[in-house]
PDB file of N, CA and C in Angstrom:
ATOM      1  N   UNK A   1      21.754  10.757  61.557  1.00  0.00           N
ATOM      2  CA  UNK A   1      21.767  10.816  60.291  1.00  0.00           C
ATOM      3  C   UNK A   1      20.442   9.566  59.044  1.00  0.00           C
ATOM      4  N   UNK A   2      19.931  10.186  59.304  1.00  0.00           N
ATOM      5  CA  UNK A   2      18.917   8.722  58.349  1.00  0.00           C
ATOM      6  C   UNK A   2      18.998   9.353  56.882  1.00  0.00           C
ATOM      7  N   UNK A   3      18.821   7.993  55.944  1.00  0.00           N
ATOM      8  CA  UNK A   3      18.595   8.396  54.546  1.00  0.00           C
ATOM      9  C   UNK A   3      17.805   8.292  53.504  1.00  0.00           C
ATOM     10  N   UNK A   4      16.893   8.358  52.756  1.00  0.00           N
ATOM     11  CA  UNK A   4      16.023   8.013  52.371  1.00  0.00           C
ATOM     12  C   UNK A   4      15.672   8.651  49.919  1.00  0.00           C
ATOM     13  N   UNK A   5      15.307   8.167  49.680  1.00  0.00           N
ATOM     14  CA  UNK A   5      15.299   8.333  48.341  1.00  0.00           C
ATOM     15  C   UNK A   5      14.326   8.292  47.816  1.00  0.00           C
ATOM     16  N   UNK A   6      14.597  10.046  47.318  1.00  0.00           N
ATOM     17  CA  UNK A   6      13.847  10.587  46.763  1.00  0.00           C
ATOM     18  C   UNK A   6      12.865  11.084  45.782  1.00  0.00           C
ATOM     19  N   UNK A   7      13.657  10.377  45.270  1.00  0.00           N
ATOM     20  CA  UNK A   7      13.891   9.786  43.315  1.00  0.00           C
ATOM     21  C   UNK A   7      14.654   9.345  43.252  1.00  0.00           C
ATOM     22  N   UNK A   8      15.212   8.297  41.895  1.00  0.00           N
ATOM     23  CA  UNK A   8      15.405   7.081  41.107  1.00  0.00           C
ATOM     24  C   UNK A   8      17.049   7.893  41.281  1.00  0.00           C
ATOM     25  N   UNK A   9      17.839   7.324  42.130  1.00  0.00           N
ATOM     26  CA  UNK A   9      18.986   7.712  41.257  1.00  0.00           C
ATOM     27  C   UNK A   9      19.793   9.074  42.105  1.00  0.00           C
ATOM     28  N   UNK A  10      19.016   9.503  43.309  1.00  0.00           N
ATOM     29  CA  UNK A  10      19.296  10.282  44.771  1.00  0.00           C
ATOM     30  C   UNK A  10      19.037   9.729  45.748  1.00  0.00           C
ATOM     31  N   UNK A  11      20.376  10.194  46.132  1.00  0.00           N
ATOM     32  CA  UNK A  11      20.303   8.891  48.196  1.00  0.00           C
ATOM     33  C   UNK A  11      20.038  10.684  48.884  1.00  0.00           C
ATOM     34  N   UNK A  12      19.762  10.828  49.899  1.00  0.00           N
ATOM     35  CA  UNK A  12      19.606  12.253  50.385  1.00  0.00           C
ATOM     36  C   UNK A  12      19.764  11.657  52.183  1.00  0.00           C
ATOM     37  N   UNK A  13      20.822  12.584  52.447  1.00  0.00           N
ATOM     38  CA  UNK A  13      21.405  12.349  54.193  1.00  0.00           C
ATOM     39  C   UNK A  13      21.020  13.896  54.502  1.00  0.00           C
ATOM     40  N   UNK A  14      20.365  13.197  55.875  1.00  0.00           N
ATOM     41  CA  UNK A  14      20.061  14.400  56.503  1.00  0.00           C
ATOM     42  C   UNK A  14      21.201  15.126  58.468  1.00  0.00           C
ATOM     43  N   UNK A  15      21.408  16.150  57.538  1.00  0.00           N
ATOM     44  CA  UNK A  15      21.991  16.578  58.892  1.00  0.00           C
ATOM     45  C   UNK A  15      21.371  16.893  60.494  1.00  0.00           C
ATOM     46  N   UNK A  16      22.299  16.346  61.102  1.00  0.00           N
ATOM     47  CA  UNK A  16      21.920  16.920  62.585  1.00  0.00           C
ATOM     48  C   UNK A  16      22.866  17.282  63.656  1.00  0.00           C
ATOM     49  N   UNK A  17      22.296  18.087  64.498  1.00  0.00           N
ATOM     50  CA  UNK A  17      23.335  18.468  65.337  1.00  0.00           C
ATOM     51  C   UNK A  17      24.616  19.188  64.849  1.00  0.00           C
ATOM     52  N   UNK A  18      25.191  18.833  65.240  1.00  0.00           N
ATOM     53  CA  UNK A  18      27.277  19.041  64.903  1.00  0.00           C
ATOM     54  C   UNK A  18      27.457  18.603  63.917  1.00  0.00           C
ATOM     55  N   UNK A  19      28.676  19.150  63.348  1.00  0.00           N
ATOM     56  CA  UNK A  19      29.021  18.510  62.265  1.00  0.00           C
ATOM     57  C   UNK A  19      30.288  18.864  62.856  1.00  0.00           C
ATOM     58  N   UNK A  20      31.434  18.006  63.366  1.00  0.00           N
ATOM     59  CA  UNK A  20      32.702  18.080  64.277  1.00  0.00           C
ATOM     60  C   UNK A  20      33.605  16.885  64.290  1.00  0.00           C
ATOM     61  N   UNK A  21      34.474  17.164  65.139  1.00  0.00           N
ATOM     62  CA  UNK A  21      35.469  16.042  64.889  1.00  0.00           C
ATOM     63  C   UNK A  21      34.840  14.934  65.776  1.00  0.00           C
ATOM     64  N   UNK A  22      33.864  14.736  66.310  1.00  0.00           N
ATOM     65  CA  UNK A  22      32.936  13.413  67.324  1.00  0.00           C
ATOM     66  C   UNK A  22      31.891  13.389  66.139  1.00  0.00           C
ATOM     67  N   UNK A  23      31.747  13.580  65.085  1.00  0.00           N
ATOM     68  CA  UNK A  23      30.773  12.862  64.065  1.00  0.00           C
ATOM     69  C   UNK A  23      30.754  13.171  63.084  1.00  0.00           C
ATOM     70  N   UNK A  24      32.475  13.749  62.058  1.00  0.00           N
ATOM     71  CA  UNK A  24      32.552  14.071  60.456  1.00  0.00           C
ATOM     72  C   UNK A  24      32.490  12.973  60.180  1.00  0.00           C
ATOM     73  N   UNK A  25      32.497  10.931  61.199  1.00  0.00           N
ATOM     74  CA  UNK A  25      32.955   9.979  59.713  1.00  0.00           C
ATOM     75  C   UNK A  25      31.641   9.176  60.041  1.00  0.00           C
ATOM     76  N   UNK A  26      30.438  10.208  61.575  1.00  0.00           N
ATOM     77  CA  UNK A  26      29.356   9.290  61.055  1.00  0.00           C
ATOM     78  C   UNK A  26      28.512   9.892  59.608  1.00  0.00           C
ATOM     79  N   UNK A  27      29.190  11.713  59.513  1.00  0.00           N
ATOM     80  CA  UNK A  27      28.660  11.471  57.841  1.00  0.00           C
ATOM     81  C   UNK A  27      29.265  11.018  56.515  1.00  0.00           C
ATOM     82  N   UNK A  28      30.023  10.566  56.718  1.00  0.00           N
ATOM     83  CA  UNK A  28      30.817   9.287  55.572  1.00  0.00           C
ATOM     84  C   UNK A  28      29.682   8.026  56.225  1.00  0.00           C
ATOM     85  N   UNK A  29      29.686   7.403  56.829  1.00  0.00           N
ATOM     86  CA  UNK A  29      28.815   6.248  57.119  1.00  0.00           C
ATOM     87  C   UNK A  29      27.853   6.780  56.378  1.00  0.00           C
ATOM     88  N   UNK A  30      27.079   7.932  56.666  1.00  0.00           N
ATOM     89  CA  UNK A  30      25.651   7.699  56.029  1.00  0.00           C
ATOM     90  C   UNK A  30      26.008   8.084  54.831  1.00  0.00           C
ATOM     91  N   UNK A  31      26.556   8.377  54.216  1.00  0.00           N
ATOM     92  CA  UNK A  31      26.698   8.878  52.966  1.00  0.00           C
ATOM     93  C   UNK A  31      26.553   7.823  52.024  1.00  0.00           C
ATOM     94  N   UNK A  32      27.274   6.751  52.410  1.00  0.00           N
ATOM     95  CA  UNK A  32      27.930   5.296  51.726  1.00  0.00           C
ATOM     96  C   UNK A  32      26.777   4.964  51.802  1.00  0.00           C
ATOM     97  N   UNK A  33      26.203   4.248  53.535  1.00  0.00           N
ATOM     98  CA  UNK A  33      24.908   3.865  52.915  1.00  0.00           C
ATOM     99  C   UNK A  33      23.506   4.095  52.178  1.00  0.00           C
ATOM    100  N   UNK A  34      23.236   5.413  52.133  1.00  0.00           N
ATOM    101  CA  UNK A  34      22.711   6.040  51.151  1.00  0.00           C
ATOM    102  C   UNK A  34      22.894   5.675  50.011  1.00  0.00           C
ATOM    103  N   UNK A  35      24.151   6.070  49.792  1.00  0.00           N
ATOM    104  CA  UNK A  35      24.215   5.485  47.870  1.00  0.00           C
ATOM    105  C   UNK A  35      24.198   3.751  47.892  1.00  0.00           C
ATOM    106  N   UNK A  36      24.801   3.272  48.860  1.00  0.00           N
ATOM    107  CA  UNK A  36      24.900   1.921  48.535  1.00  0.00           C
ATOM    108  C   UNK A  36      23.357   1.552  48.458  1.00  0.00           C
ATOM    109  N   UNK A  37      22.592   2.192  48.843  1.00  0.00           N
ATOM    110  CA  UNK A  37      20.790   1.890  49.522  1.00  0.00           C
ATOM    111  C   UNK A  37      20.454   2.306  47.818  1.00  0.00           C
ATOM    112  N   UNK A  38      20.545   3.030  47.403  1.00  0.00           N
ATOM    113  CA  UNK A  38      19.839   4.201  46.065  1.00  0.00           C
ATOM    114  C   UNK A  38      20.713   2.997  44.434  1.00  0.00           C
ATOM    115  N   UNK A  39      19.746   2.660  43.670  1.00  0.00           N
ATOM    116  CA  UNK A  39      20.064   2.252  42.276  1.00  0.00           C
ATOM    117  C   UNK A  39      20.404   3.089  41.598  1.00  0.00           C
ATOM    118  N   UNK A  40      21.552   2.867  40.702  1.00  0.00           N
ATOM    119  CA  UNK A  40      22.885   4.167  40.206  1.00  0.00           C
ATOM    120  C   UNK A  40      22.684   5.409  40.775  1.00  0.00           C
ATOM    121  N   UNK A  41      23.188   5.812  41.426  1.00  0.00           N
ATOM    122  CA  UNK A  41      22.999   6.671  41.867  1.00  0.00           C
ATOM    123  C   UNK A  41      23.558   7.518  41.505  1.00  0.00           C
ATOM    124  N   UNK A  42      22.785   8.900  40.909  1.00  0.00           N
ATOM    125  CA  UNK A  42      23.888  10.117  40.331  1.00  0.00           C
ATOM    126  C   UNK A  42      23.425  11.499  41.139  1.00  0.00           C
ATOM    127  N   UNK A  43      23.154  11.391  42.556  1.00  0.00           N
ATOM    128  CA  UNK A  43      23.500  12.673  43.257  1.00  0.00           C
ATOM    129  C   UNK A  43      22.918  12.328  44.770  1.00  0.00           C
ATOM    130  N   UNK A  44      23.883  13.610  45.698  1.00  0.00           N
ATOM    131  CA  UNK A  44      24.419  13.071  47.319  1.00  0.00           C
ATOM    132  C   UNK A  44      23.435  14.210  47.903  1.00  0.00           C
ATOM    133  N   UNK A  45      22.484  14.093  48.099  1.00  0.00           N
ATOM    134  CA  UNK A  45      21.541  15.841  48.631  1.00  0.00           C
ATOM    135  C   UNK A  45      21.664  15.673  50.066  1.00  0.00           C
ATOM    136  N   UNK A  46      22.219  16.161  50.338  1.00  0.00           N
ATOM    137  CA  UNK A  46      22.551  16.487  52.438  1.00  0.00           C
ATOM    138  C   UNK A  46      21.705  17.843  52.790  1.00  0.00           C
ATOM    139  N   UNK A  47      20.124  17.069  53.648  1.00  0.00           N
ATOM    140  CA  UNK A  47      19.606  18.064  53.883  1.00  0.00           C
ATOM    141  C   UNK A  47      20.644  19.034  55.011  1.00  0.00           C
ATOM    142  N   UNK A  48      20.810  20.414  55.650  1.00  0.00           N
ATOM    143  CA  UNK A  48      21.041  20.682  56.191  1.00  0.00           C
ATOM    144  C   UNK A  48      20.429  21.177  56.923  1.00  0.00           C
ATOM    145  N   UNK A  49      19.277  21.010  56.916  1.00  0.00           N
ATOM    146  CA  UNK A  49      17.744  22.445  58.112  1.00  0.00           C
ATOM    147  C   UNK A  49      18.520  21.958  59.307  1.00  0.00           C
ATOM    148  N   UNK A  50      18.499  20.223  60.170  1.00  0.00           N
ATOM    149  CA  UNK A  50      19.706  20.342  61.193  1.00  0.00           C
ATOM    150  C   UNK A  50      20.765  20.337  61.709  1.00  0.00           C
ATOM    151  N   UNK A  51      21.258  20.493  60.547  1.00  0.00           N
ATOM    152  CA  UNK A  51      22.920  20.939  60.915  1.00  0.00           C
ATOM    153  C   UNK A  51      23.096  22.387  62.010  1.00  0.00           C
ATOM    154  N   UNK A  52      23.749  22.262  63.395  1.00  0.00           N
ATOM    155  CA  UNK A  52      24.427  22.854  64.013  1.00  0.00           C
ATOM    156  C   UNK A  52      25.241  23.323  64.409  1.00  0.00           C
ATOM    157  N   UNK A  53      26.301  23.229  64.260  1.00  0.00           N
ATOM    158  CA  UNK A  53      27.862  23.921  64.710  1.00  0.00           C
ATOM    159  C   UNK A  53      28.872  22.810  63.582  1.00  0.00           C
ATOM    160  N   UNK A  54      28.757  23.653  62.957  1.00  0.00           N
ATOM    161  CA  UNK A  54      30.276  23.275  61.764  1.00  0.00           C
ATOM    162  C   UNK A  54      31.386  23.715  61.785  1.00  0.00           C
ATOM    163  N   UNK A  55      32.681  22.640  62.895  1.00  0.00           N
ATOM    164  CA  UNK A  55      33.403  23.655  62.964  1.00  0.00           C
ATOM    165  C   UNK A  55      34.822  22.519  61.441  1.00  0.00           C
ATOM    166  N   UNK A  56      36.656  23.413  61.418  1.00  0.00           N
ATOM    167  CA  UNK A  56      36.621  22.688  60.551  1.00  0.00           C
ATOM    168  C   UNK A  56      36.841  21.031  59.850  1.00  0.00           C
ATOM    169  N   UNK A  57      37.320  20.372  61.143  1.00  0.00           N
ATOM    170  CA  UNK A  57      36.366  18.619  60.989  1.00  0.00           C
ATOM    171  C   UNK A  57      35.394  18.515  60.036  1.00  0.00           C
ATOM    172  N   UNK A  58      34.268  19.195  60.470  1.00  0.00           N
ATOM    173  CA  UNK A  58      32.786  19.533  59.822  1.00  0.00           C
ATOM    174  C   UNK A  58      33.665  19.750  58.424  1.00  0.00           C
ATOM    175  N   UNK A  59      34.225  20.897  58.036  1.00  0.00           N
ATOM    176  CA  UNK A  59      33.723  21.634  56.577  1.00  0.00           C
ATOM    177  C   UNK A  59      35.127  20.234  56.128  1.00  0.00           C
ATOM    178  N   UNK A  60      35.705  19.500  56.777  1.00  0.00           N
ATOM    179  CA  UNK A  60      37.411  19.023  55.635  1.00  0.00           C
ATOM    180  C   UNK A  60      36.263  17.482  55.102  1.00  0.00           C
ATOM    181  N   UNK A  61      35.432  17.174  56.054  1.00  0.00           N
ATOM    182  CA  UNK A  61      33.859  16.358  56.192  1.00  0.00           C
ATOM    183  C   UNK A  61      33.865  16.380  54.535  1.00  0.00           C
ATOM    184  N   UNK A  62      33.197  17.731  55.078  1.00  0.00           N
ATOM    185  CA  UNK A  62      32.056  17.799  53.353  1.00  0.00           C
ATOM    186  C   UNK A  62      32.750  17.988  52.827  1.00  0.00           C
ATOM    187  N   UNK A  63      34.478  18.796  52.689  1.00  0.00           N
ATOM    188  CA  UNK A  63      35.299  18.836  51.303  1.00  0.00           C
ATOM    189  C   UNK A  63      35.742  17.233  50.871  1.00  0.00           C
ATOM    190  N   UNK A  64      35.715  17.069  51.674  1.00  0.00           N
ATOM    191  CA  UNK A  64      36.314  14.738  51.529  1.00  0.00           C
ATOM    192  C   UNK A  64      35.316  13.764  50.982  1.00  0.00           C
ATOM    193  N   UNK A  65      33.762  14.954  51.329  1.00  0.00           N
ATOM    194  CA  UNK A  65      33.146  14.126  50.413  1.00  0.00           C
ATOM    195  C   UNK A  65      31.840  15.123  49.123  1.00  0.00           C
ATOM    196  N   UNK A  66      32.801  15.564  48.892  1.00  0.00           N
ATOM    197  CA  UNK A  66      32.716  16.009  47.354  1.00  0.00           C
ATOM    198  C   UNK A  66      33.975  15.628  46.867  1.00  0.00           C
ATOM    199  N   UNK A  67      34.834  14.820  47.091  1.00  0.00           N
ATOM    200  CA  UNK A  67      35.739  14.866  46.016  1.00  0.00           C
ATOM    201  C   UNK A  67      35.893  13.486  46.274  1.00  0.00           C
ATOM    202  N   UNK A  68      35.117  12.695  47.224  1.00  0.00           N
ATOM    203  CA  UNK A  68      34.945  11.429  46.390  1.00  0.00           C
ATOM    204  C   UNK A  68      33.198  10.821  45.813  1.00  0.00           C
ATOM    205  N   UNK A  69      32.689  12.305  45.600  1.00  0.00           N
ATOM    206  CA  UNK A  69      31.165  12.228  44.876  1.00  0.00           C
ATOM    207  C   UNK A  69      31.652  12.329  43.302  1.00  0.00           C
ATOM    208  N   UNK A  70      32.308  13.469  43.455  1.00  0.00           N
ATOM    209  CA  UNK A  70      33.260  13.745  42.192  1.00  0.00           C
ATOM    210  C   UNK A  70      33.752  12.264  41.201  1.00  0.00           C
ATOM    211  N   UNK A  71      34.793  11.666  41.987  1.00  0.00           N
ATOM    212  CA  UNK A  71      35.379  10.629  41.990  1.00  0.00           C
ATOM    213  C   UNK A  71      34.634   9.898  41.227  1.00  0.00           C
ATOM    214  N   UNK A  72      33.610   9.767  41.274  1.00  0.00           N
ATOM    215  CA  UNK A  72      32.591   8.198  41.209  1.00  0.00           C
ATOM    216  C   UNK A  72      31.629   9.433  40.847  1.00  0.00           C
ATOM    217  N   UNK A  73      31.335  10.527  39.908  1.00  0.00           N
ATOM    218  CA  UNK A  73      30.367  11.505  38.992  1.00  0.00           C
ATOM    219  C   UNK A  73      29.394  11.526  39.183  1.00  0.00           C
ATOM    220  N   UNK A  74      29.109  11.744  41.138  1.00  0.00           N
ATOM    221  CA  UNK A  74      27.682  11.805  41.796  1.00  0.00           C
ATOM    222  C   UNK A  74      28.210  13.046  42.048  1.00  0.00           C
ATOM    223  N   UNK A  75      26.945  14.090  41.900  1.00  0.00           N
ATOM    224  CA  UNK A  75      26.347  15.210  42.244  1.00  0.00           C
ATOM    225  C   UNK A  75      26.128  15.884  44.173  1.00  0.00           C
ATOM    226  N   UNK A  76      27.268  16.752  44.917  1.00  0.00           N
ATOM    227  CA  UNK A  76      26.230  16.604  45.571  1.00  0.00           C
ATOM    228  C   UNK A  76      25.943  18.323  46.134  1.00  0.00           C
ATOM    229  N   UNK A  77      24.726  17.358  46.403  1.00  0.00           N
ATOM    230  CA  UNK A  77      23.926  19.194  46.779  1.00  0.00           C
ATOM    231  C   UNK A  77      23.478  18.896  48.215  1.00  0.00           C
ATOM    232  N   UNK A  78      24.416  21.076  48.700  1.00  0.00           N
ATOM    233  CA  UNK A  78      23.906  20.977  50.130  1.00  0.00           C
ATOM    234  C   UNK A  78      22.769  21.741  50.333  1.00  0.00           C
ATOM    235  N   UNK A  79      21.146  21.326  50.553  1.00  0.00           N
ATOM    236  CA  UNK A  79      20.264  21.788  50.881  1.00  0.00           C
ATOM    237  C   UNK A  79      20.250  22.326  51.909  1.00  0.00           C
ATOM    238  N   UNK A  80      19.123  23.531  52.251  1.00  0.00           N
ATOM    239  CA  UNK A  80      18.723  24.138  53.559  1.00  0.00           C
ATOM    240  C   UNK A  80      19.523  24.944  54.063  1.00  0.00           C
ATOM    241  N   UNK A  81      20.314  24.916  54.309  1.00  0.00           N
ATOM    242  CA  UNK A  81      21.726  25.771  54.679  1.00  0.00           C
ATOM    243  C   UNK A  81      21.203  26.492  55.297  1.00  0.00           C
ATOM    244  N   UNK A  82      21.415  26.948  56.509  1.00  0.00           N
ATOM    245  CA  UNK A  82      21.184  28.208  57.452  1.00  0.00           C
ATOM    246  C   UNK A  82      23.125  29.293  57.449  1.00  0.00           C
ATOM    247  N   UNK A  83      21.982  30.078  58.068  1.00  0.00           N
ATOM    248  CA  UNK A  83      23.588  31.145  58.132  1.00  0.00           C
ATOM    249  C   UNK A  83      24.826  30.960  58.195  1.00  0.00           C
ATOM    250  N   UNK A  84      24.770  30.045  59.555  1.00  0.00           N
ATOM    251  CA  UNK A  84      26.873  29.752  59.310  1.00  0.00           C
ATOM    252  C   UNK A  84      26.863  29.113  58.991  1.00  0.00           C
ATOM    253  N   UNK A  85      26.090  27.897  58.485  1.00  0.00           N
ATOM    254  CA  UNK A  85      26.933  27.326  57.654  1.00  0.00           C
ATOM    255  C   UNK A  85      27.471  27.838  56.349  1.00  0.00           C
ATOM    256  N   UNK A  86      26.945  28.685  55.671  1.00  0.00           N
ATOM    257  CA  UNK A  86      27.249  29.340  53.877  1.00  0.00           C
ATOM    258  C   UNK A  86      28.444  30.741  54.833  1.00  0.00           C
ATOM    259  N   UNK A  87      27.997  31.256  55.885  1.00  0.00           N
ATOM    260  CA  UNK A  87      29.244  31.988  56.322  1.00  0.00           C
ATOM    261  C   UNK A  87      30.267  31.675  56.513  1.00  0.00           C
ATOM    262  N   UNK A  88      30.686  30.175  56.661  1.00  0.00           N
ATOM    263  CA  UNK A  88      31.349  29.378  57.191  1.00  0.00           C
ATOM    264  C   UNK A  88      32.026  28.987  55.868  1.00  0.00           C
ATOM    265  N   UNK A  89      31.436  28.588  54.831  1.00  0.00           N
ATOM    266  CA  UNK A  89      31.498  28.114  53.518  1.00  0.00           C
ATOM    267  C   UNK A  89      32.456  29.877  52.245  1.00  0.00           C
ATOM    268  N   UNK A  90      32.379  31.071  52.847  1.00  0.00           N
ATOM    269  CA  UNK A  90      31.871  31.662  52.525  1.00  0.00           C
ATOM    270  C   UNK A  90      33.493  32.021  52.652  1.00  0.00           C
ATOM    271  N   UNK A  91      33.926  31.998  53.977  1.00  0.00           N
ATOM    272  CA  UNK A  91      35.249  32.743  54.514  1.00  0.00           C
ATOM    273  C   UNK A  91      35.978  31.737  54.352  1.00  0.00           C
ATOM    274  N   UNK A  92      36.122  30.771  54.230  1.00  0.00           N
ATOM    275  CA  UNK A  92      36.662  29.477  53.817  1.00  0.00           C
ATOM    276  C   UNK A  92      37.119  29.594  52.206  1.00  0.00           C
ATOM    277  N   UNK A  93      36.474  30.520  51.943  1.00  0.00           N
ATOM    278  CA  UNK A  93      36.320  30.263  50.258  1.00  0.00           C
ATOM    279  C   UNK A  93      36.287  28.829  50.007  1.00  0.00           C
ATOM    280  N   UNK A  94      35.004  28.046  50.110  1.00  0.00           N
ATOM    281  CA  UNK A  94      34.850  27.014  49.490  1.00  0.00           C
ATOM    282  C   UNK A  94      33.016  26.351  48.935  1.00  0.00           C
ATOM    283  N   UNK A  95      32.404  27.890  49.390  1.00  0.00           N
ATOM    284  CA  UNK A  95      31.158  28.456  47.891  1.00  0.00           C
ATOM    285  C   UNK A  95      31.305  27.530  47.346  1.00  0.00           C
ATOM    286  N   UNK A  96      32.100  28.220  46.425  1.00  0.00           N
ATOM    287  CA  UNK A  96      31.173  27.729  44.842  1.00  0.00           C
ATOM    288  C   UNK A  96      31.768  25.997  45.167  1.00  0.00           C
ATOM    289  N   UNK A  97      33.427  25.485  45.299  1.00  0.00           N
ATOM    290  CA  UNK A  97      33.164  24.118  45.271  1.00  0.00           C
ATOM    291  C   UNK A  97      31.962  22.844  45.789  1.00  0.00           C
ATOM    292  N   UNK A  98      31.918  23.715  46.795  1.00  0.00           N
ATOM    293  CA  UNK A  98      30.155  22.885  47.654  1.00  0.00           C
ATOM    294  C   UNK A  98      28.945  23.124  46.967  1.00  0.00           C
ATOM    295  N   UNK A  99      28.843  24.166  46.739  1.00  0.00           N
ATOM    296  CA  UNK A  99      27.484  24.014  46.360  1.00  0.00           C
ATOM    297  C   UNK A  99      27.291  24.754  44.817  1.00  0.00           C
ATOM    298  N   UNK A 100      28.656  24.562  43.920  1.00  0.00           N
ATOM    299  CA  UNK A 100      28.339  25.196  42.757  1.00  0.00           C
ATOM    300  C   UNK A 100      27.254  26.681  42.067  1.00  0.00           C
ATOM    301  N   UNK A 101      27.232  27.484  43.195  1.00  0.00           N
ATOM    302  CA  UNK A 101      27.072  28.435  43.784  1.00  0.00           C
ATOM    303  C   UNK A 101      27.830  30.318  43.999  1.00  0.00           C
ATOM    304  N   UNK A 102      26.916  30.820  43.064  1.00  0.00           N
ATOM    305  CA  UNK A 102      28.309  32.311  44.439  1.00  0.00           C
ATOM    306  C   UNK A 102      27.771  32.860  45.018  1.00  0.00           C
ATOM    307  N   UNK A 103      28.672  33.136  46.219  1.00  0.00           N
ATOM    308  CA  UNK A 103      27.600  33.489  46.967  1.00  0.00           C
ATOM    309  C   UNK A 103      27.124  35.062  47.400  1.00  0.00           C
ATOM    310  N   UNK A 104      26.999  35.777  45.922  1.00  0.00           N
ATOM    311  CA  UNK A 104      26.447  37.029  45.963  1.00  0.00           C
ATOM    312  C   UNK A 104      25.584  36.707  45.586  1.00  0.00           C
ATOM    313  N   UNK A 105      24.745  35.384  44.910  1.00  0.00           N
ATOM    314  CA  UNK A 105      23.385  34.673  44.640  1.00  0.00           C
ATOM    315  C   UNK A 105      23.292  34.589  46.152  1.00  0.00           C
ATOM    316  N   UNK A 106      23.356  34.263  46.669  1.00  0.00           N
ATOM    317  CA  UNK A 106      22.934  33.660  47.864  1.00  0.00           C
ATOM    318  C   UNK A 106      22.667  34.630  48.765  1.00  0.00           C
ATOM    319  N   UNK A 107      24.376  35.629  48.873  1.00  0.00           N
ATOM    320  CA  UNK A 107      23.503  36.913  49.525  1.00  0.00           C
ATOM    321  C   UNK A 107      22.617  37.680  49.614  1.00  0.00           C
ATOM    322  N   UNK A 108      21.905  37.753  48.044  1.00  0.00           N
ATOM    323  CA  UNK A 108      21.004  38.227  47.636  1.00  0.00           C
ATOM    324  C   UNK A 108      19.890  37.588  48.321  1.00  0.00           C
ATOM    325  N   UNK A 109      19.872  36.662  48.352  1.00  0.00           N
ATOM    326  CA  UNK A 109      18.472  35.506  48.758  1.00  0.00           C
ATOM    327  C   UNK A 109      18.492  35.334  50.238  1.00  0.00           C
ATOM    328  N   UNK A 110      19.085  36.029  50.207  1.00  0.00           N
ATOM    329  CA  UNK A 110      18.583  36.237  52.659  1.00  0.00           C
ATOM    330  C   UNK A 110      18.584  37.511  52.504  1.00  0.00           C
ATOM    331  N   UNK A 111      19.065  38.895  52.009  1.00  0.00           N
ATOM    332  CA  UNK A 111      18.566  39.943  51.985  1.00  0.00           C
ATOM    333  C   UNK A 111      17.024  40.140  51.763  1.00  0.00           C
ATOM    334  N   UNK A 112      16.981  39.620  50.676  1.00  0.00           N
ATOM    335  CA  UNK A 112      15.199  39.513  50.661  1.00  0.00           C
ATOM    336  C   UNK A 112      13.693  39.376  50.913  1.00  0.00           C
TER     337      UNK A 112
END
């Protein structure tokens, strides 16, 4: 899960493969490293384009990361989400909490 700084104060973590029991700690470690590499971080962006499967452990890792970033005053963004992740967020009622969007907004974009 490599990271870089696309803009000042913004940390980026690119997810690849599955986010599950075996890899959820890697997400936390990658996020910590990305945030430590940025001077005065105000936003953490997770690029989900390479994300495969996300199970309940993966969702739990995202929720924990959201909790930690919010406590630190850092915005969390989930970029390039695929349909499978969007569906998981919708059926678990975590959509708005993790994305700040309304589920209908995303559904309309997929329909067009």
